[in-house]
N, C-alpha and C. Protein backbone atom coordinates (compact mmCIF):
# COMPACT_ATOMS: atom_id res chain seq x y z
N UNK A 1 155.71 -37.92 53.91
CA UNK A 1 154.66 -37.58 54.85
C UNK A 1 154.87 -36.17 55.36
N UNK A 2 153.79 -35.46 55.53
CA UNK A 2 153.81 -34.14 56.12
C UNK A 2 153.37 -34.26 57.57
N UNK A 3 154.18 -33.79 58.48
CA UNK A 3 153.83 -33.83 59.90
C UNK A 3 153.19 -32.51 60.30
N UNK A 4 152.02 -32.60 60.88
CA UNK A 4 151.31 -31.43 61.38
C UNK A 4 151.36 -31.52 62.90
N UNK A 5 152.11 -30.62 63.50
CA UNK A 5 152.34 -30.70 64.94
C UNK A 5 151.23 -30.04 65.74
N UNK A 6 150.63 -28.99 65.21
CA UNK A 6 149.58 -28.29 65.93
C UNK A 6 148.28 -28.42 65.17
N UNK A 7 147.21 -28.59 65.89
CA UNK A 7 145.92 -28.73 65.25
C UNK A 7 144.84 -28.93 66.28
N UNK A 8 143.74 -29.52 65.85
CA UNK A 8 142.60 -29.72 66.74
C UNK A 8 142.88 -30.74 67.82
N UNK A 9 143.72 -31.70 67.53
CA UNK A 9 143.99 -32.75 68.52
C UNK A 9 145.48 -33.06 68.55
N UNK A 10 145.83 -34.30 68.47
CA UNK A 10 147.23 -34.71 68.55
C UNK A 10 147.95 -34.46 67.22
N UNK A 11 149.28 -34.46 67.25
CA UNK A 11 150.03 -34.35 65.99
C UNK A 11 149.65 -35.48 65.03
N UNK A 12 149.70 -35.20 63.74
CA UNK A 12 149.32 -36.21 62.76
C UNK A 12 150.22 -36.13 61.53
N UNK A 13 150.16 -37.15 60.72
CA UNK A 13 150.92 -37.20 59.46
C UNK A 13 149.94 -37.41 58.32
N UNK A 14 150.24 -36.78 57.20
CA UNK A 14 149.42 -36.96 56.01
C UNK A 14 150.32 -37.14 54.81
N UNK A 15 149.95 -38.00 53.88
CA UNK A 15 150.80 -38.21 52.70
C UNK A 15 150.78 -36.98 51.78
N UNK A 16 151.92 -36.66 51.23
CA UNK A 16 152.04 -35.60 50.22
C UNK A 16 152.95 -36.11 49.11
N UNK A 17 152.78 -35.58 47.91
CA UNK A 17 153.69 -35.98 46.82
C UNK A 17 155.14 -35.66 47.17
N UNK A 18 156.05 -36.47 46.69
CA UNK A 18 157.46 -36.29 47.05
C UNK A 18 158.00 -34.93 46.61
N UNK A 19 157.52 -34.39 45.48
CA UNK A 19 158.01 -33.08 45.05
C UNK A 19 157.56 -31.97 46.01
N UNK A 20 156.38 -32.12 46.61
CA UNK A 20 155.91 -31.13 47.60
C UNK A 20 156.77 -31.23 48.86
N UNK A 21 157.05 -32.43 49.31
CA UNK A 21 157.90 -32.62 50.49
C UNK A 21 159.29 -32.03 50.26
N UNK A 22 159.84 -32.23 49.07
CA UNK A 22 161.15 -31.68 48.74
C UNK A 22 161.11 -30.16 48.75
N UNK A 23 160.07 -29.58 48.19
CA UNK A 23 159.94 -28.12 48.17
C UNK A 23 159.85 -27.56 49.58
N UNK A 24 159.07 -28.19 50.44
CA UNK A 24 158.93 -27.73 51.82
C UNK A 24 160.28 -27.79 52.53
N UNK A 25 161.00 -28.88 52.37
CA UNK A 25 162.32 -29.00 53.01
C UNK A 25 163.30 -27.96 52.48
N UNK A 26 163.25 -27.70 51.18
CA UNK A 26 164.15 -26.71 50.57
C UNK A 26 163.85 -25.32 51.11
N UNK A 27 162.59 -24.96 51.17
CA UNK A 27 162.22 -23.65 51.73
C UNK A 27 162.72 -23.54 53.16
N UNK A 28 162.53 -24.59 53.94
CA UNK A 28 162.97 -24.58 55.33
C UNK A 28 164.48 -24.41 55.44
N UNK A 29 165.22 -25.05 54.54
CA UNK A 29 166.69 -24.96 54.58
C UNK A 29 167.19 -23.55 54.27
N UNK A 30 166.49 -22.81 53.40
CA UNK A 30 166.99 -21.53 52.93
C UNK A 30 166.43 -20.31 53.63
N UNK A 31 165.40 -20.46 54.41
CA UNK A 31 164.84 -19.27 55.05
C UNK A 31 165.57 -18.98 56.36
N UNK A 32 165.46 -17.75 56.81
CA UNK A 32 166.19 -17.30 58.00
C UNK A 32 165.52 -17.72 59.31
N UNK A 33 164.21 -17.93 59.30
CA UNK A 33 163.49 -18.27 60.53
C UNK A 33 163.74 -19.71 60.94
N UNK A 34 163.48 -19.99 62.21
CA UNK A 34 163.58 -21.36 62.71
C UNK A 34 162.50 -22.23 62.07
N UNK A 35 162.70 -23.52 62.08
CA UNK A 35 161.76 -24.46 61.47
C UNK A 35 160.39 -24.45 62.13
N UNK A 36 160.33 -24.05 63.39
CA UNK A 36 159.03 -24.06 64.07
C UNK A 36 158.21 -22.79 63.84
N UNK A 37 158.75 -21.83 63.10
CA UNK A 37 158.01 -20.62 62.74
C UNK A 37 157.26 -20.90 61.44
N UNK A 38 155.95 -20.66 61.42
CA UNK A 38 155.18 -20.96 60.19
C UNK A 38 155.68 -20.16 58.98
N UNK A 39 155.66 -20.79 57.83
CA UNK A 39 156.00 -20.11 56.58
C UNK A 39 154.89 -19.12 56.23
N UNK A 40 153.65 -19.54 56.40
CA UNK A 40 152.49 -18.69 56.18
C UNK A 40 151.74 -18.64 57.50
N UNK A 41 151.79 -17.49 58.15
CA UNK A 41 151.18 -17.36 59.47
C UNK A 41 149.77 -16.80 59.35
N UNK A 42 148.89 -17.60 58.78
CA UNK A 42 147.48 -17.23 58.59
C UNK A 42 146.61 -18.38 59.05
N UNK A 43 145.36 -18.08 59.33
CA UNK A 43 144.44 -19.12 59.78
C UNK A 43 144.06 -20.05 58.63
N UNK A 44 143.55 -21.21 58.99
CA UNK A 44 143.06 -22.16 57.98
C UNK A 44 141.97 -21.51 57.15
N UNK A 45 141.09 -20.76 57.79
CA UNK A 45 139.99 -20.09 57.08
C UNK A 45 140.53 -19.13 56.02
N UNK A 46 141.56 -18.34 56.37
CA UNK A 46 142.15 -17.41 55.41
C UNK A 46 142.78 -18.15 54.24
N UNK A 47 143.52 -19.22 54.52
CA UNK A 47 144.13 -20.00 53.45
C UNK A 47 143.07 -20.58 52.51
N UNK A 48 141.98 -21.08 53.07
CA UNK A 48 140.91 -21.63 52.23
C UNK A 48 140.28 -20.56 51.36
N UNK A 49 140.09 -19.35 51.91
CA UNK A 49 139.54 -18.25 51.10
C UNK A 49 140.48 -17.92 49.95
N UNK A 50 141.78 -17.87 50.23
CA UNK A 50 142.75 -17.57 49.18
C UNK A 50 142.70 -18.63 48.08
N UNK A 51 142.66 -19.88 48.49
CA UNK A 51 142.62 -20.98 47.52
C UNK A 51 141.33 -20.93 46.71
N UNK A 52 140.21 -20.65 47.35
CA UNK A 52 138.94 -20.53 46.63
C UNK A 52 138.99 -19.42 45.61
N UNK A 53 139.56 -18.27 45.98
CA UNK A 53 139.66 -17.13 45.04
C UNK A 53 140.52 -17.50 43.83
N UNK A 54 141.64 -18.14 44.08
CA UNK A 54 142.51 -18.54 42.97
C UNK A 54 141.78 -19.53 42.07
N UNK A 55 141.09 -20.49 42.67
CA UNK A 55 140.32 -21.45 41.88
C UNK A 55 139.25 -20.78 41.03
N UNK A 56 138.55 -19.81 41.62
CA UNK A 56 137.54 -19.06 40.87
C UNK A 56 138.16 -18.28 39.73
N UNK A 57 139.29 -17.64 39.99
CA UNK A 57 139.98 -16.87 38.94
C UNK A 57 140.42 -17.79 37.80
N UNK A 58 140.97 -18.94 38.13
CA UNK A 58 141.41 -19.87 37.09
C UNK A 58 140.21 -20.41 36.30
N UNK A 59 139.11 -20.67 36.97
CA UNK A 59 137.91 -21.16 36.28
C UNK A 59 137.38 -20.12 35.30
N UNK A 60 137.45 -18.86 35.67
CA UNK A 60 136.99 -17.78 34.78
C UNK A 60 137.86 -17.67 33.54
N UNK A 61 139.14 -17.95 33.69
CA UNK A 61 140.06 -17.86 32.56
C UNK A 61 139.87 -19.02 31.58
N UNK A 62 139.25 -20.09 32.08
CA UNK A 62 138.91 -21.20 31.22
C UNK A 62 139.98 -22.17 30.99
């Protein structure tokens, strides 16, 4: 489960694949910042734009 502490309302949990959870924990273990500092400090809107662009680029490549 991925715990989201900050958001529109109360903290929540969402299921994620075990390999994603392992990757997140590994990144947290090896980075210099505290666990409460975001890995990617961007808005949800910015992240969605980035993901949309990557999806469009991959679709063009076929």
